[in-house]
Amino acid sequence: LGRVVDPLGKPIDGKGPIAAEEWLPVEAPAAPVIERGSVDT
């Protein structure tokens, strides 16, 4: 939050390194229909 990163997650704003809580693959399957709720908010 508050940072500017490149598509590999490397900071390009000169504010130092980013502490990763989790590493996630850029390609992942979308949530299946059974896991979705209704859009009502």
PDB file of all heavy atoms in Angstrom:
ATOM      1  N   LEU A   1       0.831  -1.207   0.000  1.00  0.00           N
ATOM      2  CA  LEU A   1       0.000   0.000   0.000  1.00  0.00           C
ATOM      3  C   LEU A   1       0.868   1.260   0.000  1.00  0.00           C
ATOM      4  O   LEU A   1       1.828   1.381   0.761  1.00  0.00           O
ATOM      5  CB  LEU A   1      -0.931   0.000   1.214  1.00  0.00           C
ATOM      6  CG  LEU A   1      -1.944  -1.151   1.257  1.00  0.00           C
ATOM      7  CD1 LEU A   1      -2.717  -1.134   2.560  1.00  0.00           C
ATOM      8  CD2 LEU A   1      -2.893  -1.101   0.073  1.00  0.00           C
ATOM      9  N   GLY A   2       0.527   2.179  -0.898  1.00  0.00           N
ATOM     10  CA  GLY A   2       1.280   3.428  -1.014  1.00  0.00           C
ATOM     11  C   GLY A   2       2.513   3.321  -1.892  1.00  0.00           C
ATOM     12  O   GLY A   2       3.257   4.285  -2.043  1.00  0.00           O
ATOM     13  N   ARG A   3       2.735   2.127  -2.491  1.00  0.00           N
ATOM     14  CA  ARG A   3       3.962   1.913  -3.255  1.00  0.00           C
ATOM     15  C   ARG A   3       3.693   1.841  -4.757  1.00  0.00           C
ATOM     16  O   ARG A   3       2.563   1.675  -5.211  1.00  0.00           O
ATOM     17  CB  ARG A   3       4.635   0.593  -2.810  1.00  0.00           C
ATOM     18  CG  ARG A   3       4.978   0.520  -1.333  1.00  0.00           C
ATOM     19  CD  ARG A   3       5.978   1.588  -0.917  1.00  0.00           C
ATOM     20  NE  ARG A   3       7.239   1.477  -1.636  1.00  0.00           N
ATOM     21  CZ  ARG A   3       8.265   0.730  -1.239  1.00  0.00           C
ATOM     22  NH1 ARG A   3       8.182   0.028  -0.132  1.00  0.00           N
ATOM     23  NH2 ARG A   3       9.384   0.713  -1.943  1.00  0.00           N
ATOM     24  N   VAL A   4       4.771   1.944  -5.538  1.00  0.00           N
ATOM     25  CA  VAL A   4       4.712   1.777  -6.993  1.00  0.00           C
ATOM     26  C   VAL A   4       5.660   0.635  -7.335  1.00  0.00           C
ATOM     27  O   VAL A   4       6.847   0.688  -6.996  1.00  0.00           O
ATOM     28  CB  VAL A   4       5.149   3.062  -7.736  1.00  0.00           C
ATOM     29  CG1 VAL A   4       4.990   2.887  -9.238  1.00  0.00           C
ATOM     30  CG2 VAL A   4       4.351   4.263  -7.255  1.00  0.00           C
ATOM     31  N   VAL A   5       5.124  -0.419  -7.982  1.00  0.00           N
ATOM     32  CA  VAL A   5       5.943  -1.593  -8.284  1.00  0.00           C
ATOM     33  C   VAL A   5       5.862  -1.908  -9.779  1.00  0.00           C
ATOM     34  O   VAL A   5       4.933  -1.485 -10.467  1.00  0.00           O
ATOM     35  CB  VAL A   5       5.505  -2.836  -7.462  1.00  0.00           C
ATOM     36  CG1 VAL A   5       5.716  -2.610  -5.985  1.00  0.00           C
ATOM     37  CG2 VAL A   5       4.051  -3.213  -7.749  1.00  0.00           C
ATOM     38  N   ASP A   6       6.843  -2.695 -10.261  1.00  0.00           N
ATOM     39  CA  ASP A   6       6.798  -3.151 -11.649  1.00  0.00           C
ATOM     40  C   ASP A   6       6.022  -4.470 -11.707  1.00  0.00           C
ATOM     41  O   ASP A   6       5.625  -5.003 -10.656  1.00  0.00           O
ATOM     42  CB  ASP A   6       8.224  -3.256 -12.223  1.00  0.00           C
ATOM     43  CG  ASP A   6       9.018  -4.421 -11.639  1.00  0.00           C
ATOM     44  OD1 ASP A   6       8.459  -5.200 -10.838  1.00  0.00           O
ATOM     45  OD2 ASP A   6      10.207  -4.549 -11.973  1.00  0.00           O
ATOM     46  N   PRO A   7       5.786  -5.038 -12.884  1.00  0.00           N
ATOM     47  CA  PRO A   7       4.979  -6.266 -12.965  1.00  0.00           C
ATOM     48  C   PRO A   7       5.583  -7.482 -12.268  1.00  0.00           C
ATOM     49  O   PRO A   7       4.898  -8.486 -12.089  1.00  0.00           O
ATOM     50  CB  PRO A   7       4.871  -6.515 -14.478  1.00  0.00           C
ATOM     51  CG  PRO A   7       5.012  -5.166 -15.090  1.00  0.00           C
ATOM     52  CD  PRO A   7       6.021  -4.468 -14.235  1.00  0.00           C
ATOM     53  N   LEU A   8       6.860  -7.417 -11.870  1.00  0.00           N
ATOM     54  CA  LEU A   8       7.463  -8.523 -11.125  1.00  0.00           C
ATOM     55  C   LEU A   8       7.425  -8.277  -9.620  1.00  0.00           C
ATOM     56  O   LEU A   8       7.990  -9.043  -8.840  1.00  0.00           O
ATOM     57  CB  LEU A   8       8.909  -8.748 -11.589  1.00  0.00           C
ATOM     58  CG  LEU A   8       9.062  -9.206 -13.049  1.00  0.00           C
ATOM     59  CD1 LEU A   8      10.522  -9.212 -13.456  1.00  0.00           C
ATOM     60  CD2 LEU A   8       8.434 -10.577 -13.252  1.00  0.00           C
ATOM     61  N   GLY A   9       6.775  -7.170  -9.218  1.00  0.00           N
ATOM     62  CA  GLY A   9       6.640  -6.868  -7.797  1.00  0.00           C
ATOM     63  C   GLY A   9       7.834  -6.146  -7.204  1.00  0.00           C
ATOM     64  O   GLY A   9       7.922  -5.973  -5.985  1.00  0.00           O
ATOM     65  N   LYS A  10       8.764  -5.681  -8.070  1.00  0.00           N
ATOM     66  CA  LYS A  10       9.939  -4.958  -7.558  1.00  0.00           C
ATOM     67  C   LYS A  10       9.598  -3.476  -7.438  1.00  0.00           C
ATOM     68  O   LYS A  10       9.033  -2.891  -8.370  1.00  0.00           O
ATOM     69  CB  LYS A  10      11.131  -5.133  -8.512  1.00  0.00           C
ATOM     70  CG  LYS A  10      11.635  -6.563  -8.570  1.00  0.00           C
ATOM     71  CD  LYS A  10      12.702  -6.712  -9.644  1.00  0.00           C
ATOM     72  CE  LYS A  10      13.120  -8.170  -9.798  1.00  0.00           C
ATOM     73  NZ  LYS A  10      13.929  -8.377 -11.000  1.00  0.00           N
ATOM     74  N   PRO A  11       9.941  -2.847  -6.305  1.00  0.00           N
ATOM     75  CA  PRO A  11       9.595  -1.419  -6.132  1.00  0.00           C
ATOM     76  C   PRO A  11      10.362  -0.529  -7.103  1.00  0.00           C
ATOM     77  O   PRO A  11      11.545  -0.749  -7.359  1.00  0.00           O
ATOM     78  CB  PRO A  11       9.997  -1.135  -4.679  1.00  0.00           C
ATOM     79  CG  PRO A  11      10.950  -2.220  -4.299  1.00  0.00           C
ATOM     80  CD  PRO A  11      10.614  -3.412  -5.130  1.00  0.00           C
ATOM     81  N   ILE A  12       9.670   0.473  -7.660  1.00  0.00           N
ATOM     82  CA  ILE A  12      10.331   1.416  -8.579  1.00  0.00           C
ATOM     83  C   ILE A  12      10.104   2.854  -8.107  1.00  0.00           C
ATOM     84  O   ILE A  12      10.194   3.788  -8.887  1.00  0.00           O
ATOM     85  CB  ILE A  12       9.825   1.231 -10.031  1.00  0.00           C
ATOM     86  CG1 ILE A  12       8.297   1.226 -10.098  1.00  0.00           C
ATOM     87  CG2 ILE A  12      10.391  -0.020 -10.643  1.00  0.00           C
ATOM     88  CD1 ILE A  12       7.733   1.154 -11.512  1.00  0.00           C
ATOM     89  N   ASP A  13       9.798   3.003  -6.808  1.00  0.00           N
ATOM     90  CA  ASP A  13       9.547   4.347  -6.270  1.00  0.00           C
ATOM     91  C   ASP A  13      10.670   4.830  -5.359  1.00  0.00           C
ATOM     92  O   ASP A  13      10.583   5.909  -4.773  1.00  0.00           O
ATOM     93  CB  ASP A  13       8.216   4.382  -5.520  1.00  0.00           C
ATOM     94  CG  ASP A  13       8.114   3.291  -4.446  1.00  0.00           C
ATOM     95  OD1 ASP A  13       9.115   2.579  -4.225  1.00  0.00           O
ATOM     96  OD2 ASP A  13       7.031   3.156  -3.850  1.00  0.00           O
ATOM     97  N   GLY A  14      11.735   4.009  -5.218  1.00  0.00           N
ATOM     98  CA  GLY A  14      12.883   4.427  -4.417  1.00  0.00           C
ATOM     99  C   GLY A  14      12.621   4.473  -2.922  1.00  0.00           C
ATOM    100  O   GLY A  14      13.344   5.132  -2.180  1.00  0.00           O
ATOM    101  N   LYS A  15      11.594   3.742  -2.457  1.00  0.00           N
ATOM    102  CA  LYS A  15      11.267   3.771  -1.018  1.00  0.00           C
ATOM    103  C   LYS A  15      11.687   2.495  -0.294  1.00  0.00           C
ATOM    104  O   LYS A  15      11.157   2.172   0.763  1.00  0.00           O
ATOM    105  CB  LYS A  15       9.756   3.988  -0.832  1.00  0.00           C
ATOM    106  CG  LYS A  15       9.270   5.348  -1.322  1.00  0.00           C
ATOM    107  CD  LYS A  15       7.778   5.495  -1.094  1.00  0.00           C
ATOM    108  CE  LYS A  15       7.266   6.832  -1.615  1.00  0.00           C
ATOM    109  NZ  LYS A  15       5.794   6.942  -1.499  1.00  0.00           N
ATOM    110  N   GLY A  16      12.614   1.761  -0.885  1.00  0.00           N
ATOM    111  CA  GLY A  16      13.127   0.568  -0.211  1.00  0.00           C
ATOM    112  C   GLY A  16      12.368  -0.696  -0.573  1.00  0.00           C
ATOM    113  O   GLY A  16      11.385  -0.661  -1.309  1.00  0.00           O
ATOM    114  N   PRO A  17      12.840  -1.852  -0.035  1.00  0.00           N
ATOM    115  CA  PRO A  17      12.244  -3.151  -0.394  1.00  0.00           C
ATOM    116  C   PRO A  17      10.836  -3.330   0.176  1.00  0.00           C
ATOM    117  O   PRO A  17      10.419  -2.612   1.092  1.00  0.00           O
ATOM    118  CB  PRO A  17      13.220  -4.168   0.219  1.00  0.00           C
ATOM    119  CG  PRO A  17      13.897  -3.429   1.332  1.00  0.00           C
ATOM    120  CD  PRO A  17      13.960  -1.993   0.920  1.00  0.00           C
ATOM    121  N   ILE A  18      10.117  -4.315  -0.370  1.00  0.00           N
ATOM    122  CA  ILE A  18       8.754  -4.635   0.068  1.00  0.00           C
ATOM    123  C   ILE A  18       8.776  -5.982   0.787  1.00  0.00           C
ATOM    124  O   ILE A  18       9.336  -6.960   0.277  1.00  0.00           O
ATOM    125  CB  ILE A  18       7.792  -4.677  -1.145  1.00  0.00           C
ATOM    126  CG1 ILE A  18       7.526  -3.244  -1.628  1.00  0.00           C
ATOM    127  CG2 ILE A  18       6.478  -5.365  -0.798  1.00  0.00           C
ATOM    128  CD1 ILE A  18       6.840  -3.150  -2.959  1.00  0.00           C
ATOM    129  N   ALA A  19       8.178  -6.022   1.968  1.00  0.00           N
ATOM    130  CA  ALA A  19       8.097  -7.269   2.734  1.00  0.00           C
ATOM    131  C   ALA A  19       6.890  -8.066   2.246  1.00  0.00           C
ATOM    132  O   ALA A  19       5.756  -7.619   2.377  1.00  0.00           O
ATOM    133  CB  ALA A  19       7.969  -6.964   4.226  1.00  0.00           C
ATOM    134  N   ALA A  20       7.156  -9.236   1.653  1.00  0.00           N
ATOM    135  CA  ALA A  20       6.068 -10.046   1.082  1.00  0.00           C
ATOM    136  C   ALA A  20       5.435 -10.915   2.157  1.00  0.00           C
ATOM    137  O   ALA A  20       6.129 -11.614   2.899  1.00  0.00           O
ATOM    138  CB  ALA A  20       6.608 -10.912  -0.041  1.00  0.00           C
ATOM    139  N   GLU A  21       4.111 -10.879   2.258  1.00  0.00           N
ATOM    140  CA  GLU A  21       3.386 -11.790   3.148  1.00  0.00           C
ATOM    141  C   GLU A  21       3.132 -13.117   2.442  1.00  0.00           C
ATOM    142  O   GLU A  21       2.983 -14.151   3.083  1.00  0.00           O
ATOM    143  CB  GLU A  21       2.048 -11.164   3.566  1.00  0.00           C
ATOM    144  CG  GLU A  21       2.207  -9.964   4.488  1.00  0.00           C
ATOM    145  CD  GLU A  21       0.884  -9.232   4.718  1.00  0.00           C
ATOM    146  OE1 GLU A  21      -0.188  -9.822   4.485  1.00  0.00           O
ATOM    147  OE2 GLU A  21       0.932  -8.063   5.134  1.00  0.00           O
ATOM    148  N   GLU A  22       3.063 -13.062   1.120  1.00  0.00           N
ATOM    149  CA  GLU A  22       2.768 -14.263   0.329  1.00  0.00           C
ATOM    150  C   GLU A  22       3.236 -14.030  -1.102  1.00  0.00           C
ATOM    151  O   GLU A  22       3.191 -12.914  -1.597  1.00  0.00           O
ATOM    152  CB  GLU A  22       1.252 -14.511   0.348  1.00  0.00           C
ATOM    153  CG  GLU A  22       0.812 -15.826  -0.257  1.00  0.00           C
ATOM    154  CD  GLU A  22      -0.700 -16.030  -0.221  1.00  0.00           C
ATOM    155  OE1 GLU A  22      -1.436 -15.098   0.142  1.00  0.00           O
ATOM    156  OE2 GLU A  22      -1.131 -17.135  -0.572  1.00  0.00           O
ATOM    157  N   TRP A  23       3.695 -15.123  -1.746  1.00  0.00           N
ATOM    158  CA  TRP A  23       4.035 -15.062  -3.174  1.00  0.00           C
ATOM    159  C   TRP A  23       2.947 -15.800  -3.938  1.00  0.00           C
ATOM    160  O   TRP A  23       2.593 -16.926  -3.589  1.00  0.00           O
ATOM    161  CB  TRP A  23       5.407 -15.703  -3.438  1.00  0.00           C
ATOM    162  CG  TRP A  23       6.540 -14.819  -3.004  1.00  0.00           C
ATOM    163  CD1 TRP A  23       7.012 -14.642  -1.743  1.00  0.00           C
ATOM    164  CD2 TRP A  23       7.335 -13.974  -3.842  1.00  0.00           C
ATOM    165  NE1 TRP A  23       8.046 -13.735  -1.739  1.00  0.00           N
ATOM    166  CE2 TRP A  23       8.271 -13.310  -3.014  1.00  0.00           C
ATOM    167  CE3 TRP A  23       7.356 -13.709  -5.218  1.00  0.00           C
ATOM    168  CZ2 TRP A  23       9.211 -12.408  -3.500  1.00  0.00           C
ATOM    169  CZ3 TRP A  23       8.293 -12.812  -5.708  1.00  0.00           C
ATOM    170  CH2 TRP A  23       9.209 -12.168  -4.858  1.00  0.00           C
ATOM    171  N   LEU A  24       2.411 -15.158  -4.961  1.00  0.00           N
ATOM    172  CA  LEU A  24       1.297 -15.742  -5.700  1.00  0.00           C
ATOM    173  C   LEU A  24       1.623 -15.838  -7.187  1.00  0.00           C
ATOM    174  O   LEU A  24       2.237 -14.921  -7.748  1.00  0.00           O
ATOM    175  CB  LEU A  24       0.053 -14.863  -5.533  1.00  0.00           C
ATOM    176  CG  LEU A  24      -0.544 -14.858  -4.126  1.00  0.00           C
ATOM    177  CD1 LEU A  24      -1.177 -13.525  -3.827  1.00  0.00           C
ATOM    178  CD2 LEU A  24      -1.567 -15.959  -3.983  1.00  0.00           C
ATOM    179  N   PRO A  25       1.217 -16.940  -7.856  1.00  0.00           N
ATOM    180  CA  PRO A  25       1.465 -17.051  -9.302  1.00  0.00           C
ATOM    181  C   PRO A  25       0.640 -16.029 -10.073  1.00  0.00           C
ATOM    182  O   PRO A  25      -0.521 -15.781  -9.714  1.00  0.00           O
ATOM    183  CB  PRO A  25       1.017 -18.484  -9.628  1.00  0.00           C
ATOM    184  CG  PRO A  25       0.068 -18.856  -8.536  1.00  0.00           C
ATOM    185  CD  PRO A  25       0.502 -18.102  -7.316  1.00  0.00           C
ATOM    186  N   VAL A  26       1.225 -15.427 -11.112  1.00  0.00           N
ATOM    187  CA  VAL A  26       0.488 -14.399 -11.858  1.00  0.00           C
ATOM    188  C   VAL A  26      -0.677 -14.999 -12.631  1.00  0.00           C
ATOM    189  O   VAL A  26      -1.706 -14.358 -12.816  1.00  0.00           O
ATOM    190  CB  VAL A  26       1.408 -13.599 -12.822  1.00  0.00           C
ATOM    191  CG1 VAL A  26       2.412 -12.782 -12.055  1.00  0.00           C
ATOM    192  CG2 VAL A  26       2.084 -14.498 -13.827  1.00  0.00           C
ATOM    193  N   GLU A  27      -0.548 -16.248 -13.066  1.00  0.00           N
ATOM    194  CA  GLU A  27      -1.652 -16.935 -13.745  1.00  0.00           C
ATOM    195  C   GLU A  27      -2.298 -17.891 -12.751  1.00  0.00           C
ATOM    196  O   GLU A  27      -1.640 -18.776 -12.212  1.00  0.00           O
ATOM    197  CB  GLU A  27      -1.137 -17.727 -14.954  1.00  0.00           C
ATOM    198  CG  GLU A  27      -0.564 -16.866 -16.052  1.00  0.00           C
ATOM    199  CD  GLU A  27      -1.622 -16.361 -17.030  1.00  0.00           C
ATOM    200  OE1 GLU A  27      -2.826 -16.531 -16.742  1.00  0.00           O
ATOM    201  OE2 GLU A  27      -1.231 -15.791 -18.052  1.00  0.00           O
ATOM    202  N   ALA A  28      -3.577 -17.699 -12.488  1.00  0.00           N
ATOM    203  CA  ALA A  28      -4.302 -18.574 -11.565  1.00  0.00           C
ATOM    204  C   ALA A  28      -5.727 -18.724 -12.061  1.00  0.00           C
ATOM    205  O   ALA A  28      -6.275 -17.801 -12.675  1.00  0.00           O
ATOM    206  CB  ALA A  28      -4.290 -17.982 -10.153  1.00  0.00           C
ATOM    207  N   PRO A  29      -6.365 -19.873 -11.813  1.00  0.00           N
ATOM    208  CA  PRO A  29      -7.749 -20.039 -12.269  1.00  0.00           C
ATOM    209  C   PRO A  29      -8.691 -19.106 -11.522  1.00  0.00           C
ATOM    210  O   PRO A  29      -8.481 -18.811 -10.342  1.00  0.00           O
ATOM    211  CB  PRO A  29      -8.051 -21.515 -11.960  1.00  0.00           C
ATOM    212  CG  PRO A  29      -7.053 -21.911 -10.920  1.00  0.00           C
ATOM    213  CD  PRO A  29      -5.843 -21.072 -11.140  1.00  0.00           C
ATOM    214  N   ALA A  30      -9.725 -18.631 -12.217  1.00  0.00           N
ATOM    215  CA  ALA A  30     -10.731 -17.777 -11.581  1.00  0.00           C
ATOM    216  C   ALA A  30     -11.559 -18.605 -10.608  1.00  0.00           C
ATOM    217  O   ALA A  30     -11.654 -19.829 -10.742  1.00  0.00           O
ATOM    218  CB  ALA A  30     -11.627 -17.165 -12.654  1.00  0.00           C
ATOM    219  N   ALA A  31     -12.152 -17.933  -9.620  1.00  0.00           N
ATOM    220  CA  ALA A  31     -12.994 -18.618  -8.642  1.00  0.00           C
ATOM    221  C   ALA A  31     -14.166 -19.291  -9.355  1.00  0.00           C
ATOM    222  O   ALA A  31     -14.845 -18.648 -10.160  1.00  0.00           O
ATOM    223  CB  ALA A  31     -13.508 -17.625  -7.611  1.00  0.00           C
ATOM    224  N   PRO A  32     -14.424 -20.587  -9.091  1.00  0.00           N
ATOM    225  CA  PRO A  32     -15.563 -21.243  -9.744  1.00  0.00           C
ATOM    226  C   PRO A  32     -16.898 -20.683  -9.250  1.00  0.00           C
ATOM    227  O   PRO A  32     -16.957 -20.035  -8.203  1.00  0.00           O
ATOM    228  CB  PRO A  32     -15.402 -22.718  -9.341  1.00  0.00           C
ATOM    229  CG  PRO A  32     -14.517 -22.719  -8.148  1.00  0.00           C
ATOM    230  CD  PRO A  32     -13.656 -21.499  -8.231  1.00  0.00           C
ATOM    231  N   VAL A  33     -17.944 -20.943 -10.005  1.00  0.00           N
ATOM    232  CA  VAL A  33     -19.265 -20.375  -9.708  1.00  0.00           C
ATOM    233  C   VAL A  33     -19.718 -20.726  -8.294  1.00  0.00           C
ATOM    234  O   VAL A  33     -20.292 -19.892  -7.591  1.00  0.00           O
ATOM    235  CB  VAL A  33     -20.302 -20.875 -10.749  1.00  0.00           C
ATOM    236  CG1 VAL A  33     -21.702 -20.421 -10.384  1.00  0.00           C
ATOM    237  CG2 VAL A  33     -19.952 -20.370 -12.129  1.00  0.00           C
ATOM    238  N   ILE A  34     -19.431 -21.940  -7.856  1.00  0.00           N
ATOM    239  CA  ILE A  34     -19.904 -22.418  -6.551  1.00  0.00           C
ATOM    240  C   ILE A  34     -19.282 -21.618  -5.397  1.00  0.00           C
ATOM    241  O   ILE A  34     -19.823 -21.561  -4.299  1.00  0.00           O
ATOM    242  CB  ILE A  34     -19.612 -23.940  -6.400  1.00  0.00           C
ATOM    243  CG1 ILE A  34     -20.520 -24.583  -5.362  1.00  0.00           C
ATOM    244  CG2 ILE A  34     -18.151 -24.214  -6.111  1.00  0.00           C
ATOM    245  CD1 ILE A  34     -21.937 -24.791  -5.822  1.00  0.00           C
ATOM    246  N   GLU A  35     -18.123 -20.977  -5.658  1.00  0.00           N
ATOM    247  CA  GLU A  35     -17.444 -20.217  -4.596  1.00  0.00           C
ATOM    248  C   GLU A  35     -17.823 -18.741  -4.612  1.00  0.00           C
ATOM    249  O   GLU A  35     -17.328 -17.966  -3.796  1.00  0.00           O
ATOM    250  CB  GLU A  35     -15.916 -20.356  -4.756  1.00  0.00           C
ATOM    251  CG  GLU A  35     -15.397 -21.753  -4.471  1.00  0.00           C
ATOM    252  CD  GLU A  35     -13.888 -21.862  -4.637  1.00  0.00           C
ATOM    253  OE1 GLU A  35     -13.246 -20.818  -4.881  1.00  0.00           O
ATOM    254  OE2 GLU A  35     -13.364 -22.980  -4.528  1.00  0.00           O
ATOM    255  N   ARG A  36     -18.706 -18.353  -5.537  1.00  0.00           N
ATOM    256  CA  ARG A  36     -19.036 -16.930  -5.683  1.00  0.00           C
ATOM    257  C   ARG A  36     -20.331 -16.586  -4.965  1.00  0.00           C
ATOM    258  O   ARG A  36     -21.245 -17.396  -4.896  1.00  0.00           O
ATOM    259  CB  ARG A  36     -19.154 -16.559  -7.163  1.00  0.00           C
ATOM    260  CG  ARG A  36     -17.842 -16.740  -7.918  1.00  0.00           C
ATOM    261  CD  ARG A  36     -17.945 -16.258  -9.341  1.00  0.00           C
ATOM    262  NE  ARG A  36     -16.695 -16.506 -10.060  1.00  0.00           N
ATOM    263  CZ  ARG A  36     -16.107 -15.638 -10.859  1.00  0.00           C
ATOM    264  NH1 ARG A  36     -16.631 -14.456 -11.055  1.00  0.00           N
ATOM    265  NH2 ARG A  36     -14.975 -15.930 -11.464  1.00  0.00           N
ATOM    266  N   GLY A  37     -20.388 -15.342  -4.470  1.00  0.00           N
ATOM    267  CA  GLY A  37     -21.615 -14.816  -3.891  1.00  0.00           C
ATOM    268  C   GLY A  37     -22.276 -13.864  -4.871  1.00  0.00           C
ATOM    269  O   GLY A  37     -21.732 -13.559  -5.927  1.00  0.00           O
ATOM    270  N   SER A  38     -23.460 -13.381  -4.514  1.00  0.00           N
ATOM    271  CA  SER A  38     -24.165 -12.461  -5.416  1.00  0.00           C
ATOM    272  C   SER A  38     -23.601 -11.050  -5.281  1.00  0.00           C
ATOM    273  O   SER A  38     -23.163 -10.641  -4.203  1.00  0.00           O
ATOM    274  CB  SER A  38     -25.660 -12.451  -5.111  1.00  0.00           C
ATOM    275  OG  SER A  38     -25.876 -12.077  -3.769  1.00  0.00           O
ATOM    276  N   VAL A  39     -23.602 -10.318  -6.389  1.00  0.00           N
ATOM    277  CA  VAL A  39     -23.111  -8.934  -6.402  1.00  0.00           C
ATOM    278  C   VAL A  39     -24.267  -8.036  -5.969  1.00  0.00           C
ATOM    279  O   VAL A  39     -25.154  -7.725  -6.755  1.00  0.00           O
ATOM    280  CB  VAL A  39     -22.598  -8.555  -7.811  1.00  0.00           C
ATOM    281  CG1 VAL A  39     -22.149  -7.103  -7.858  1.00  0.00           C
ATOM    282  CG2 VAL A  39     -21.460  -9.474  -8.228  1.00  0.00           C
ATOM    283  N   ASP A  40     -24.272  -7.649  -4.689  1.00  0.00           N
ATOM    284  CA  ASP A  40     -25.415  -6.896  -4.159  1.00  0.00           C
ATOM    285  C   ASP A  40     -25.022  -5.701  -3.294  1.00  0.00           C
ATOM    286  O   ASP A  40     -25.879  -5.019  -2.751  1.00  0.00           O
ATOM    287  CB  ASP A  40     -26.342  -7.828  -3.361  1.00  0.00           C
ATOM    288  CG  ASP A  40     -25.589  -8.610  -2.292  1.00  0.00           C
ATOM    289  OD1 ASP A  40     -24.418  -8.256  -2.014  1.00  0.00           O
ATOM    290  OD2 ASP A  40     -26.155  -9.567  -1.739  1.00  0.00           O
ATOM    291  N   THR A  41     -23.718  -5.459  -3.156  1.00  0.00           N
ATOM    292  CA  THR A  41     -23.260  -4.315  -2.355  1.00  0.00           C
ATOM    293  C   THR A  41     -22.746  -3.229  -3.286  1.00  0.00           C
ATOM    294  O   THR A  41     -21.913  -3.509  -4.148  1.00  0.00           O
ATOM    295  CB  THR A  41     -22.125  -4.741  -1.383  1.00  0.00           C
ATOM    296  OG1 THR A  41     -22.532  -5.923  -0.697  1.00  0.00           O
ATOM    297  CG2 THR A  41     -21.807  -3.644  -0.393  1.00  0.00           C
TER     298      THR A  41
END
